[in-house]
Amino acid sequence: FSKAEWTAWATQNVVCAWVDFPREKTLVPEAFRARNEALAQE
């Protein structure tokens, strides 16, 4: 994901959604935390 080849391809082909479960909770906005858990379960 850090490579230019990936970014060039992704820009043309997909929309990239980042659903994170970090140990450092502040990396995810509070509004998204419960939603992320719900998405993982779904």
PDB file of all heavy atoms in Angstrom:
ATOM      1  N   PHE A   1       0.791  -1.230   0.000  1.00  0.00           N
ATOM      2  CA  PHE A   1       0.000   0.000   0.000  1.00  0.00           C
ATOM      3  C   PHE A   1       0.825   1.284   0.000  1.00  0.00           C
ATOM      4  O   PHE A   1       0.301   2.353  -0.293  1.00  0.00           O
ATOM      5  CB  PHE A   1      -0.973  -0.003   1.182  1.00  0.00           C
ATOM      6  CG  PHE A   1      -1.895  -1.193   1.189  1.00  0.00           C
ATOM      7  CD1 PHE A   1      -2.157  -1.894   2.355  1.00  0.00           C
ATOM      8  CD2 PHE A   1      -2.488  -1.625   0.012  1.00  0.00           C
ATOM      9  CE1 PHE A   1      -2.996  -2.993   2.359  1.00  0.00           C
ATOM     10  CE2 PHE A   1      -3.336  -2.728   0.000  1.00  0.00           C
ATOM     11  CZ  PHE A   1      -3.581  -3.419   1.179  1.00  0.00           C
ATOM     12  N   SER A   2       2.111   1.190   0.328  1.00  0.00           N
ATOM     13  CA  SER A   2       2.964   2.381   0.296  1.00  0.00           C
ATOM     14  C   SER A   2       3.607   2.601  -1.076  1.00  0.00           C
ATOM     15  O   SER A   2       4.306   3.599  -1.270  1.00  0.00           O
ATOM     16  CB  SER A   2       4.070   2.253   1.356  1.00  0.00           C
ATOM     17  OG  SER A   2       4.937   1.178   1.030  1.00  0.00           O
ATOM     18  N   LYS A   3       3.353   1.691  -2.018  1.00  0.00           N
ATOM     19  CA  LYS A   3       4.030   1.741  -3.312  1.00  0.00           C
ATOM     20  C   LYS A   3       3.232   2.535  -4.349  1.00  0.00           C
ATOM     21  O   LYS A   3       2.000   2.471  -4.387  1.00  0.00           O
ATOM     22  CB  LYS A   3       4.264   0.324  -3.849  1.00  0.00           C
ATOM     23  CG  LYS A   3       5.023  -0.591  -2.892  1.00  0.00           C
ATOM     24  CD  LYS A   3       6.400  -0.042  -2.549  1.00  0.00           C
ATOM     25  CE  LYS A   3       7.184  -1.012  -1.676  1.00  0.00           C
ATOM     26  NZ  LYS A   3       8.482  -0.475  -1.270  1.00  0.00           N
ATOM     27  N   ALA A   4       3.957   3.238  -5.216  1.00  0.00           N
ATOM     28  CA  ALA A   4       3.325   4.055  -6.260  1.00  0.00           C
ATOM     29  C   ALA A   4       2.517   3.184  -7.223  1.00  0.00           C
ATOM     30  O   ALA A   4       1.462   3.614  -7.723  1.00  0.00           O
ATOM     31  CB  ALA A   4       4.390   4.836  -7.025  1.00  0.00           C
ATOM     32  N   GLU A   5       2.999   1.964  -7.486  1.00  0.00           N
ATOM     33  CA  GLU A   5       2.288   1.056  -8.392  1.00  0.00           C
ATOM     34  C   GLU A   5       0.889   0.753  -7.860  1.00  0.00           C
ATOM     35  O   GLU A   5      -0.091   0.709  -8.626  1.00  0.00           O
ATOM     36  CB  GLU A   5       3.079  -0.245  -8.539  1.00  0.00           C
ATOM     37  CG  GLU A   5       2.450  -1.263  -9.490  1.00  0.00           C
ATOM     38  CD  GLU A   5       3.234  -2.557  -9.554  1.00  0.00           C
ATOM     39  OE1 GLU A   5       4.353  -2.631  -8.992  1.00  0.00           O
ATOM     40  OE2 GLU A   5       2.715  -3.502 -10.184  1.00  0.00           O
ATOM     41  N   TRP A   6       0.781   0.545  -6.528  1.00  0.00           N
ATOM     42  CA  TRP A   6      -0.515   0.279  -5.923  1.00  0.00           C
ATOM     43  C   TRP A   6      -1.417   1.509  -6.010  1.00  0.00           C
ATOM     44  O   TRP A   6      -2.578   1.419  -6.416  1.00  0.00           O
ATOM     45  CB  TRP A   6      -0.372  -0.131  -4.449  1.00  0.00           C
ATOM     46  CG  TRP A   6      -1.673   0.028  -3.713  1.00  0.00           C
ATOM     47  CD1 TRP A   6      -2.023   1.010  -2.842  1.00  0.00           C
ATOM     48  CD2 TRP A   6      -2.830  -0.801  -3.857  1.00  0.00           C
ATOM     49  NE1 TRP A   6      -3.318   0.864  -2.427  1.00  0.00           N
ATOM     50  CE2 TRP A   6      -3.840  -0.250  -3.037  1.00  0.00           C
ATOM     51  CE3 TRP A   6      -3.113  -1.948  -4.592  1.00  0.00           C
ATOM     52  CZ2 TRP A   6      -5.110  -0.820  -2.932  1.00  0.00           C
ATOM     53  CZ3 TRP A   6      -4.379  -2.514  -4.493  1.00  0.00           C
ATOM     54  CH2 TRP A   6      -5.356  -1.959  -3.670  1.00  0.00           C
ATOM     55  N   THR A   7      -0.891   2.664  -5.636  1.00  0.00           N
ATOM     56  CA  THR A   7      -1.697   3.894  -5.631  1.00  0.00           C
ATOM     57  C   THR A   7      -2.240   4.194  -7.024  1.00  0.00           C
ATOM     58  O   THR A   7      -3.417   4.572  -7.177  1.00  0.00           O
ATOM     59  CB  THR A   7      -0.861   5.082  -5.116  1.00  0.00           C
ATOM     60  OG1 THR A   7      -0.374   4.778  -3.811  1.00  0.00           O
ATOM     61  CG2 THR A   7      -1.698   6.350  -5.060  1.00  0.00           C
ATOM     62  N   ALA A   8      -1.400   4.015  -8.042  1.00  0.00           N
ATOM     63  CA  ALA A   8      -1.832   4.285  -9.417  1.00  0.00           C
ATOM     64  C   ALA A   8      -2.970   3.355  -9.815  1.00  0.00           C
ATOM     65  O   ALA A   8      -3.966   3.786 -10.430  1.00  0.00           O
ATOM     66  CB  ALA A   8      -0.651   4.122 -10.370  1.00  0.00           C
ATOM     67  N   TRP A   9      -2.857   2.066  -9.460  1.00  0.00           N
ATOM     68  CA  TRP A   9      -3.900   1.114  -9.826  1.00  0.00           C
ATOM     69  C   TRP A   9      -5.177   1.377  -9.039  1.00  0.00           C
ATOM     70  O   TRP A   9      -6.284   1.388  -9.598  1.00  0.00           O
ATOM     71  CB  TRP A   9      -3.420  -0.322  -9.561  1.00  0.00           C
ATOM     72  CG  TRP A   9      -4.421  -1.340 -10.018  1.00  0.00           C
ATOM     73  CD1 TRP A   9      -4.531  -1.880 -11.263  1.00  0.00           C
ATOM     74  CD2 TRP A   9      -5.474  -1.917  -9.234  1.00  0.00           C
ATOM     75  NE1 TRP A   9      -5.593  -2.768 -11.303  1.00  0.00           N
ATOM     76  CE2 TRP A   9      -6.185  -2.813 -10.070  1.00  0.00           C
ATOM     77  CE3 TRP A   9      -5.884  -1.775  -7.905  1.00  0.00           C
ATOM     78  CZ2 TRP A   9      -7.279  -3.553  -9.625  1.00  0.00           C
ATOM     79  CZ3 TRP A   9      -6.979  -2.514  -7.457  1.00  0.00           C
ATOM     80  CH2 TRP A   9      -7.661  -3.388  -8.305  1.00  0.00           C
ATOM     81  N   ALA A  10      -5.039   1.596  -7.720  1.00  0.00           N
ATOM     82  CA  ALA A  10      -6.207   1.806  -6.861  1.00  0.00           C
ATOM     83  C   ALA A  10      -6.990   3.041  -7.287  1.00  0.00           C
ATOM     84  O   ALA A  10      -8.230   3.042  -7.271  1.00  0.00           O
ATOM     85  CB  ALA A  10      -5.765   1.937  -5.411  1.00  0.00           C
ATOM     86  N   THR A  11      -6.298   4.084  -7.694  1.00  0.00           N
ATOM     87  CA  THR A  11      -6.958   5.324  -8.111  1.00  0.00           C
ATOM     88  C   THR A  11      -7.903   5.084  -9.281  1.00  0.00           C
ATOM     89  O   THR A  11      -8.954   5.722  -9.389  1.00  0.00           O
ATOM     90  CB  THR A  11      -5.907   6.385  -8.493  1.00  0.00           C
ATOM     91  OG1 THR A  11      -5.075   6.649  -7.360  1.00  0.00           O
ATOM     92  CG2 THR A  11      -6.558   7.679  -8.934  1.00  0.00           C
ATOM     93  N   GLN A  12      -7.552   4.142 -10.124  1.00  0.00           N
ATOM     94  CA  GLN A  12      -8.354   3.876 -11.318  1.00  0.00           C
ATOM     95  C   GLN A  12      -9.434   2.811 -11.098  1.00  0.00           C
ATOM     96  O   GLN A  12     -10.377   2.732 -11.891  1.00  0.00           O
ATOM     97  CB  GLN A  12      -7.439   3.419 -12.462  1.00  0.00           C
ATOM     98  CG  GLN A  12      -6.438   4.454 -12.919  1.00  0.00           C
ATOM     99  CD  GLN A  12      -7.115   5.689 -13.488  1.00  0.00           C
ATOM    100  OE1 GLN A  12      -8.097   5.579 -14.230  1.00  0.00           O
ATOM    101  NE2 GLN A  12      -6.598   6.852 -13.138  1.00  0.00           N
ATOM    102  N   ASN A  13      -9.304   2.012 -10.021  1.00  0.00           N
ATOM    103  CA  ASN A  13     -10.142   0.811  -9.970  1.00  0.00           C
ATOM    104  C   ASN A  13     -10.981   0.596  -8.717  1.00  0.00           C
ATOM    105  O   ASN A  13     -12.002  -0.100  -8.791  1.00  0.00           O
ATOM    106  CB  ASN A  13      -9.251  -0.428 -10.164  1.00  0.00           C
ATOM    107  CG  ASN A  13      -8.647  -0.497 -11.544  1.00  0.00           C
ATOM    108  OD1 ASN A  13      -9.311  -0.872 -12.502  1.00  0.00           O
ATOM    109  ND2 ASN A  13      -7.376  -0.102 -11.654  1.00  0.00           N
ATOM    110  N   VAL A  14     -10.577   1.125  -7.563  1.00  0.00           N
ATOM    111  CA  VAL A  14     -11.315   0.856  -6.330  1.00  0.00           C
ATOM    112  C   VAL A  14     -11.385   2.102  -5.448  1.00  0.00           C
ATOM    113  O   VAL A  14     -10.585   3.030  -5.593  1.00  0.00           O
ATOM    114  CB  VAL A  14     -10.667  -0.295  -5.510  1.00  0.00           C
ATOM    115  CG1 VAL A  14     -10.796  -1.622  -6.230  1.00  0.00           C
ATOM    116  CG2 VAL A  14      -9.200   0.005  -5.201  1.00  0.00           C
ATOM    117  N   VAL A  15     -12.349   2.089  -4.526  1.00  0.00           N
ATOM    118  CA  VAL A  15     -12.431   3.093  -3.466  1.00  0.00           C
ATOM    119  C   VAL A  15     -11.929   2.418  -2.193  1.00  0.00           C
ATOM    120  O   VAL A  15     -12.398   1.340  -1.826  1.00  0.00           O
ATOM    121  CB  VAL A  15     -13.872   3.583  -3.272  1.00  0.00           C
ATOM    122  CG1 VAL A  15     -13.936   4.604  -2.143  1.00  0.00           C
ATOM    123  CG2 VAL A  15     -14.421   4.177  -4.564  1.00  0.00           C
ATOM    124  N   CYS A  16     -10.967   3.024  -1.520  1.00  0.00           N
ATOM    125  CA  CYS A  16     -10.246   2.358  -0.422  1.00  0.00           C
ATOM    126  C   CYS A  16     -10.778   2.765   0.957  1.00  0.00           C
ATOM    127  O   CYS A  16     -10.626   3.917   1.374  1.00  0.00           O
ATOM    128  CB  CYS A  16      -8.764   2.682  -0.507  1.00  0.00           C
ATOM    129  SG  CYS A  16      -7.990   2.117  -2.039  1.00  0.00           S
ATOM    130  N   ALA A  17     -11.383   1.806   1.674  1.00  0.00           N
ATOM    131  CA  ALA A  17     -11.933   2.056   3.014  1.00  0.00           C
ATOM    132  C   ALA A  17     -11.072   1.367   4.064  1.00  0.00           C
ATOM    133  O   ALA A  17     -10.796   0.178   3.966  1.00  0.00           O
ATOM    134  CB  ALA A  17     -13.362   1.548   3.098  1.00  0.00           C
ATOM    135  N   TRP A  18     -10.655   2.108   5.079  1.00  0.00           N
ATOM    136  CA  TRP A  18      -9.733   1.650   6.132  1.00  0.00           C
ATOM    137  C   TRP A  18     -10.548   1.397   7.398  1.00  0.00           C
ATOM    138  O   TRP A  18     -11.051   2.325   8.026  1.00  0.00           O
ATOM    139  CB  TRP A  18      -8.708   2.748   6.359  1.00  0.00           C
ATOM    140  CG  TRP A  18      -7.570   2.493   7.295  1.00  0.00           C
ATOM    141  CD1 TRP A  18      -7.555   2.699   8.640  1.00  0.00           C
ATOM    142  CD2 TRP A  18      -6.247   2.048   6.944  1.00  0.00           C
ATOM    143  NE1 TRP A  18      -6.311   2.407   9.152  1.00  0.00           N
ATOM    144  CE2 TRP A  18      -5.496   2.009   8.137  1.00  0.00           C
ATOM    145  CE3 TRP A  18      -5.634   1.686   5.747  1.00  0.00           C
ATOM    146  CZ2 TRP A  18      -4.161   1.623   8.164  1.00  0.00           C
ATOM    147  CZ3 TRP A  18      -4.305   1.298   5.773  1.00  0.00           C
ATOM    148  CH2 TRP A  18      -3.577   1.261   6.974  1.00  0.00           C
ATOM    149  N   VAL A  19     -10.708   0.107   7.773  1.00  0.00           N
ATOM    150  CA  VAL A  19     -11.504  -0.258   8.950  1.00  0.00           C
ATOM    151  C   VAL A  19     -10.530  -0.783  10.002  1.00  0.00           C
ATOM    152  O   VAL A  19     -10.111  -1.934   9.974  1.00  0.00           O
ATOM    153  CB  VAL A  19     -12.565  -1.318   8.589  1.00  0.00           C
ATOM    154  CG1 VAL A  19     -13.505  -1.555   9.775  1.00  0.00           C
ATOM    155  CG2 VAL A  19     -13.363  -0.885   7.361  1.00  0.00           C
ATOM    156  N   ASP A  20     -10.187   0.079  10.956  1.00  0.00           N
ATOM    157  CA  ASP A  20      -9.035  -0.174  11.837  1.00  0.00           C
ATOM    158  C   ASP A  20      -9.456  -0.629  13.232  1.00  0.00           C
ATOM    159  O   ASP A  20     -10.461  -0.162  13.787  1.00  0.00           O
ATOM    160  CB  ASP A  20      -8.214   1.118  11.939  1.00  0.00           C
ATOM    161  CG  ASP A  20      -6.778   0.865  12.372  1.00  0.00           C
ATOM    162  OD1 ASP A  20      -6.414  -0.305  12.591  1.00  0.00           O
ATOM    163  OD2 ASP A  20      -6.004   1.838  12.472  1.00  0.00           O
ATOM    164  N   PHE A  21      -8.638  -1.555  13.802  1.00  0.00           N
ATOM    165  CA  PHE A  21      -8.839  -2.042  15.163  1.00  0.00           C
ATOM    166  C   PHE A  21      -7.506  -1.942  15.911  1.00  0.00           C
ATOM    167  O   PHE A  21      -6.910  -2.960  16.290  1.00  0.00           O
ATOM    168  CB  PHE A  21      -9.348  -3.490  15.135  1.00  0.00           C
ATOM    169  CG  PHE A  21     -10.684  -3.637  14.475  1.00  0.00           C
ATOM    170  CD1 PHE A  21     -10.774  -3.714  13.086  1.00  0.00           C
ATOM    171  CD2 PHE A  21     -11.844  -3.666  15.221  1.00  0.00           C
ATOM    172  CE1 PHE A  21     -12.004  -3.824  12.462  1.00  0.00           C
ATOM    173  CE2 PHE A  21     -13.082  -3.785  14.601  1.00  0.00           C
ATOM    174  CZ  PHE A  21     -13.158  -3.862  13.226  1.00  0.00           C
ATOM    175  N   PRO A  22      -7.003  -0.718  16.116  1.00  0.00           N
ATOM    176  CA  PRO A  22      -5.681  -0.543  16.743  1.00  0.00           C
ATOM    177  C   PRO A  22      -5.741  -0.689  18.256  1.00  0.00           C
ATOM    178  O   PRO A  22      -6.806  -0.582  18.867  1.00  0.00           O
ATOM    179  CB  PRO A  22      -5.329   0.895  16.358  1.00  0.00           C
ATOM    180  CG  PRO A  22      -6.658   1.580  16.313  1.00  0.00           C
ATOM    181  CD  PRO A  22      -7.627   0.561  15.779  1.00  0.00           C
ATOM    182  N   ARG A  23      -4.586  -0.908  18.859  1.00  0.00           N
ATOM    183  CA  ARG A  23      -4.508  -0.897  20.319  1.00  0.00           C
ATOM    184  C   ARG A  23      -4.600   0.529  20.833  1.00  0.00           C
ATOM    185  O   ARG A  23      -5.152   0.784  21.897  1.00  0.00           O
ATOM    186  CB  ARG A  23      -3.203  -1.563  20.766  1.00  0.00           C
ATOM    187  CG  ARG A  23      -3.245  -3.079  20.577  1.00  0.00           C
ATOM    188  CD  ARG A  23      -2.019  -3.774  21.095  1.00  0.00           C
ATOM    189  NE  ARG A  23      -2.156  -5.218  20.932  1.00  0.00           N
ATOM    190  CZ  ARG A  23      -1.173  -6.041  20.652  1.00  0.00           C
ATOM    191  NH1 ARG A  23       0.049  -5.568  20.485  1.00  0.00           N
ATOM    192  NH2 ARG A  23      -1.379  -7.341  20.525  1.00  0.00           N
ATOM    193  N   GLU A  24      -3.982   1.459  20.078  1.00  0.00           N
ATOM    194  CA  GLU A  24      -4.073   2.881  20.439  1.00  0.00           C
ATOM    195  C   GLU A  24      -5.405   3.411  19.890  1.00  0.00           C
ATOM    196  O   GLU A  24      -5.529   3.739  18.717  1.00  0.00           O
ATOM    197  CB  GLU A  24      -2.898   3.652  19.830  1.00  0.00           C
ATOM    198  CG  GLU A  24      -2.956   5.161  20.069  1.00  0.00           C
ATOM    199  CD  GLU A  24      -3.208   5.506  21.520  1.00  0.00           C
ATOM    200  OE1 GLU A  24      -2.380   5.167  22.377  1.00  0.00           O
ATOM    201  OE2 GLU A  24      -4.281   6.116  21.783  1.00  0.00           O
ATOM    202  N   LYS A  25      -6.417   3.452  20.750  1.00  0.00           N
ATOM    203  CA  LYS A  25      -7.784   3.733  20.320  1.00  0.00           C
ATOM    204  C   LYS A  25      -7.946   5.095  19.652  1.00  0.00           C
ATOM    205  O   LYS A  25      -8.854   5.297  18.844  1.00  0.00           O
ATOM    206  CB  LYS A  25      -8.749   3.634  21.510  1.00  0.00           C
ATOM    207  CG  LYS A  25      -8.747   2.278  22.190  1.00  0.00           C
ATOM    208  CD  LYS A  25      -9.055   1.147  21.225  1.00  0.00           C
ATOM    209  CE  LYS A  25      -9.069  -0.212  21.908  1.00  0.00           C
ATOM    210  NZ  LYS A  25      -9.216  -1.328  20.951  1.00  0.00           N
ATOM    211  N   THR A  26      -7.071   6.050  19.986  1.00  0.00           N
ATOM    212  CA  THR A  26      -7.214   7.385  19.420  1.00  0.00           C
ATOM    213  C   THR A  26      -6.927   7.420  17.915  1.00  0.00           C
ATOM    214  O   THR A  26      -7.197   8.428  17.261  1.00  0.00           O
ATOM    215  CB  THR A  26      -6.281   8.386  20.135  1.00  0.00           C
ATOM    216  OG1 THR A  26      -4.924   7.953  20.002  1.00  0.00           O
ATOM    217  CG2 THR A  26      -6.647   8.498  21.605  1.00  0.00           C
ATOM    218  N   LEU A  27      -6.384   6.317  17.364  1.00  0.00           N
ATOM    219  CA  LEU A  27      -6.131   6.277  15.925  1.00  0.00           C
ATOM    220  C   LEU A  27      -7.429   6.205  15.125  1.00  0.00           C
ATOM    221  O   LEU A  27      -7.430   6.459  13.918  1.00  0.00           O
ATOM    222  CB  LEU A  27      -5.233   5.081  15.580  1.00  0.00           C
ATOM    223  CG  LEU A  27      -3.795   5.140  16.090  1.00  0.00           C
ATOM    224  CD1 LEU A  27      -3.063   3.840  15.781  1.00  0.00           C
ATOM    225  CD2 LEU A  27      -3.058   6.322  15.465  1.00  0.00           C
ATOM    226  N   VAL A  28      -8.509   5.843  15.801  1.00  0.00           N
ATOM    227  CA  VAL A  28      -9.819   5.767  15.142  1.00  0.00           C
ATOM    228  C   VAL A  28     -10.754   6.775  15.795  1.00  0.00           C
ATOM    229  O   VAL A  28     -10.914   6.763  17.022  1.00  0.00           O
ATOM    230  CB  VAL A  28     -10.424   4.352  15.274  1.00  0.00           C
ATOM    231  CG1 VAL A  28     -11.826   4.302  14.668  1.00  0.00           C
ATOM    232  CG2 VAL A  28      -9.523   3.325  14.601  1.00  0.00           C
ATOM    233  N   PRO A  29     -11.370   7.672  15.014  1.00  0.00           N
ATOM    234  CA  PRO A  29     -12.325   8.607  15.602  1.00  0.00           C
ATOM    235  C   PRO A  29     -13.411   7.861  16.380  1.00  0.00           C
ATOM    236  O   PRO A  29     -13.863   6.791  15.958  1.00  0.00           O
ATOM    237  CB  PRO A  29     -12.924   9.309  14.372  1.00  0.00           C
ATOM    238  CG  PRO A  29     -11.843   9.222  13.342  1.00  0.00           C
ATOM    239  CD  PRO A  29     -11.185   7.886  13.568  1.00  0.00           C
ATOM    240  N   GLU A  30     -13.798   8.416  17.509  1.00  0.00           N
ATOM    241  CA  GLU A  30     -14.770   7.751  18.374  1.00  0.00           C
ATOM    242  C   GLU A  30     -16.052   7.391  17.627  1.00  0.00           C
ATOM    243  O   GLU A  30     -16.662   6.342  17.871  1.00  0.00           O
ATOM    244  CB  GLU A  30     -15.095   8.649  19.573  1.00  0.00           C
ATOM    245  CG  GLU A  30     -15.951   7.974  20.618  1.00  0.00           C
ATOM    246  CD  GLU A  30     -16.141   8.821  21.861  1.00  0.00           C
ATOM    247  OE1 GLU A  30     -15.506   9.900  21.942  1.00  0.00           O
ATOM    248  OE2 GLU A  30     -16.906   8.410  22.742  1.00  0.00           O
ATOM    249  N   ALA A  31     -16.446   8.234  16.682  1.00  0.00           N
ATOM    250  CA  ALA A  31     -17.684   8.003  15.937  1.00  0.00           C
ATOM    251  C   ALA A  31     -17.641   6.731  15.094  1.00  0.00           C
ATOM    252  O   ALA A  31     -18.681   6.192  14.718  1.00  0.00           O
ATOM    253  CB  ALA A  31     -17.973   9.202  15.031  1.00  0.00           C
ATOM    254  N   PHE A  32     -16.419   6.232  14.794  1.00  0.00           N
ATOM    255  CA  PHE A  32     -16.282   5.069  13.922  1.00  0.00           C
ATOM    256  C   PHE A  32     -16.040   3.757  14.674  1.00  0.00           C
ATOM    257  O   PHE A  32     -16.083   2.688  14.072  1.00  0.00           O
ATOM    258  CB  PHE A  32     -15.121   5.274  12.941  1.00  0.00           C
ATOM    259  CG  PHE A  32     -15.319   6.408  11.968  1.00  0.00           C
ATOM    260  CD1 PHE A  32     -14.216   7.045  11.416  1.00  0.00           C
ATOM    261  CD2 PHE A  32     -16.582   6.842  11.606  1.00  0.00           C
ATOM    262  CE1 PHE A  32     -14.377   8.092  10.514  1.00  0.00           C
ATOM    263  CE2 PHE A  32     -16.755   7.880  10.720  1.00  0.00           C
ATOM    264  CZ  PHE A  32     -15.656   8.513  10.162  1.00  0.00           C
ATOM    265  N   ARG A  33     -15.765   3.821  15.970  1.00  0.00           N
ATOM    266  CA  ARG A  33     -15.329   2.613  16.683  1.00  0.00           C
ATOM    267  C   ARG A  33     -16.423   1.546  16.756  1.00  0.00           C
ATOM    268  O   ARG A  33     -16.180   0.385  16.419  1.00  0.00           O
ATOM    269  CB  ARG A  33     -14.843   2.989  18.084  1.00  0.00           C
ATOM    270  CG  ARG A  33     -13.574   3.833  18.061  1.00  0.00           C
ATOM    271  CD  ARG A  33     -13.210   4.360  19.437  1.00  0.00           C
ATOM    272  NE  ARG A  33     -12.255   5.464  19.320  1.00  0.00           N
ATOM    273  CZ  ARG A  33     -11.914   6.275  20.313  1.00  0.00           C
ATOM    274  NH1 ARG A  33     -12.440   6.091  21.518  1.00  0.00           N
ATOM    275  NH2 ARG A  33     -11.062   7.259  20.112  1.00  0.00           N
ATOM    276  N   ALA A  34     -17.615   1.934  17.183  1.00  0.00           N
ATOM    277  CA  ALA A  34     -18.710   0.963  17.258  1.00  0.00           C
ATOM    278  C   ALA A  34     -19.094   0.480  15.863  1.00  0.00           C
ATOM    279  O   ALA A  34     -19.402  -0.701  15.664  1.00  0.00           O
ATOM    280  CB  ALA A  34     -19.917   1.582  17.955  1.00  0.00           C
ATOM    281  N   ARG A  35     -19.028   1.379  14.897  1.00  0.00           N
ATOM    282  CA  ARG A  35     -19.351   0.993  13.517  1.00  0.00           C
ATOM    283  C   ARG A  35     -18.368  -0.039  12.994  1.00  0.00           C
ATOM    284  O   ARG A  35     -18.756  -1.000  12.319  1.00  0.00           O
ATOM    285  CB  ARG A  35     -19.336   2.234  12.616  1.00  0.00           C
ATOM    286  CG  ARG A  35     -19.671   1.976  11.158  1.00  0.00           C
ATOM    287  CD  ARG A  35     -18.854   2.850  10.260  1.00  0.00           C
ATOM    288  NE  ARG A  35     -17.414   2.630  10.414  1.00  0.00           N
ATOM    289  CZ  ARG A  35     -16.484   3.411   9.910  1.00  0.00           C
ATOM    290  NH1 ARG A  35     -16.826   4.475   9.231  1.00  0.00           N
ATOM    291  NH2 ARG A  35     -15.201   3.140  10.091  1.00  0.00           N
ATOM    292  N   ASN A  36     -17.081   0.116  13.308  1.00  0.00           N
ATOM    293  CA  ASN A  36     -16.081  -0.855  12.877  1.00  0.00           C
ATOM    294  C   ASN A  36     -16.371  -2.236  13.446  1.00  0.00           C
ATOM    295  O   ASN A  36     -16.255  -3.255  12.752  1.00  0.00           O
ATOM    296  CB  ASN A  36     -14.680  -0.402  13.287  1.00  0.00           C
ATOM    297  CG  ASN A  36     -14.161   0.730  12.414  1.00  0.00           C
ATOM    298  OD1 ASN A  36     -14.860   1.218  11.540  1.00  0.00           O
ATOM    299  ND2 ASN A  36     -12.936   1.145  12.663  1.00  0.00           N
ATOM    300  N   GLU A  37     -16.735  -2.279  14.735  1.00  0.00           N
ATOM    301  CA  GLU A  37     -17.080  -3.556  15.362  1.00  0.00           C
ATOM    302  C   GLU A  37     -18.293  -4.178  14.658  1.00  0.00           C
ATOM    303  O   GLU A  37     -18.326  -5.393  14.416  1.00  0.00           O
ATOM    304  CB  GLU A  37     -17.399  -3.353  16.846  1.00  0.00           C
ATOM    305  CG  GLU A  37     -16.209  -2.928  17.695  1.00  0.00           C
ATOM    306  CD  GLU A  37     -15.199  -4.048  17.893  1.00  0.00           C
ATOM    307  OE1 GLU A  37     -15.518  -5.209  17.583  1.00  0.00           O
ATOM    308  OE2 GLU A  37     -14.074  -3.743  18.353  1.00  0.00           O
ATOM    309  N   ALA A  38     -19.262  -3.349  14.332  1.00  0.00           N
ATOM    310  CA  ALA A  38     -20.468  -3.848  13.657  1.00  0.00           C
ATOM    311  C   ALA A  38     -20.141  -4.380  12.262  1.00  0.00           C
ATOM    312  O   ALA A  38     -20.671  -5.411  11.834  1.00  0.00           O
ATOM    313  CB  ALA A  38     -21.510  -2.739  13.565  1.00  0.00           C
ATOM    314  N   LEU A  39     -19.234  -3.701  11.554  1.00  0.00           N
ATOM    315  CA  LEU A  39     -18.836  -4.155  10.216  1.00  0.00           C
ATOM    316  C   LEU A  39     -18.105  -5.497  10.293  1.00  0.00           C
ATOM    317  O   LEU A  39     -18.347  -6.394   9.473  1.00  0.00           O
ATOM    318  CB  LEU A  39     -17.935  -3.109   9.556  1.00  0.00           C
ATOM    319  CG  LEU A  39     -18.620  -1.850   9.036  1.00  0.00           C
ATOM    320  CD1 LEU A  39     -17.574  -0.814   8.618  1.00  0.00           C
ATOM    321  CD2 LEU A  39     -19.542  -2.169   7.863  1.00  0.00           C
ATOM    322  N   ALA A  40     -17.219  -5.642  11.277  1.00  0.00           N
ATOM    323  CA  ALA A  40     -16.491  -6.901  11.433  1.00  0.00           C
ATOM    324  C   ALA A  40     -17.442  -8.053  11.712  1.00  0.00           C
ATOM    325  O   ALA A  40     -17.293  -9.158  11.177  1.00  0.00           O
ATOM    326  CB  ALA A  40     -15.462  -6.777  12.560  1.00  0.00           C
ATOM    327  N   GLN A  41     -18.460  -7.787  12.527  1.00  0.00           N
ATOM    328  CA  GLN A  41     -19.449  -8.819  12.838  1.00  0.00           C
ATOM    329  C   GLN A  41     -20.313  -9.126  11.612  1.00  0.00           C
ATOM    330  O   GLN A  41     -20.574 -10.292  11.299  1.00  0.00           O
ATOM    331  CB  GLN A  41     -20.330  -8.362  14.002  1.00  0.00           C
ATOM    332  CG  GLN A  41     -21.319  -9.425  14.464  1.00  0.00           C
ATOM    333  CD  GLN A  41     -22.047  -9.026  15.738  1.00  0.00           C
ATOM    334  OE1 GLN A  41     -21.806  -7.967  16.307  1.00  0.00           O
ATOM    335  NE2 GLN A  41     -22.954  -9.875  16.196  1.00  0.00           N
ATOM    336  N   GLU A  42     -20.727  -8.079  10.923  1.00  0.00           N
ATOM    337  CA  GLU A  42     -21.580  -8.257   9.737  1.00  0.00           C
ATOM    338  C   GLU A  42     -20.901  -9.108   8.677  1.00  0.00           C
ATOM    339  O   GLU A  42     -21.539  -9.971   8.053  1.00  0.00           O
ATOM    340  CB  GLU A  42     -21.925  -6.884   9.157  1.00  0.00           C
ATOM    341  CG  GLU A  42     -22.750  -6.949   7.869  1.00  0.00           C
ATOM    342  CD  GLU A  42     -22.990  -5.574   7.261  1.00  0.00           C
ATOM    343  OE1 GLU A  42     -22.643  -4.555   7.898  1.00  0.00           O
ATOM    344  OE2 GLU A  42     -23.526  -5.518   6.130  1.00  0.00           O
TER     345      GLU A  42
END
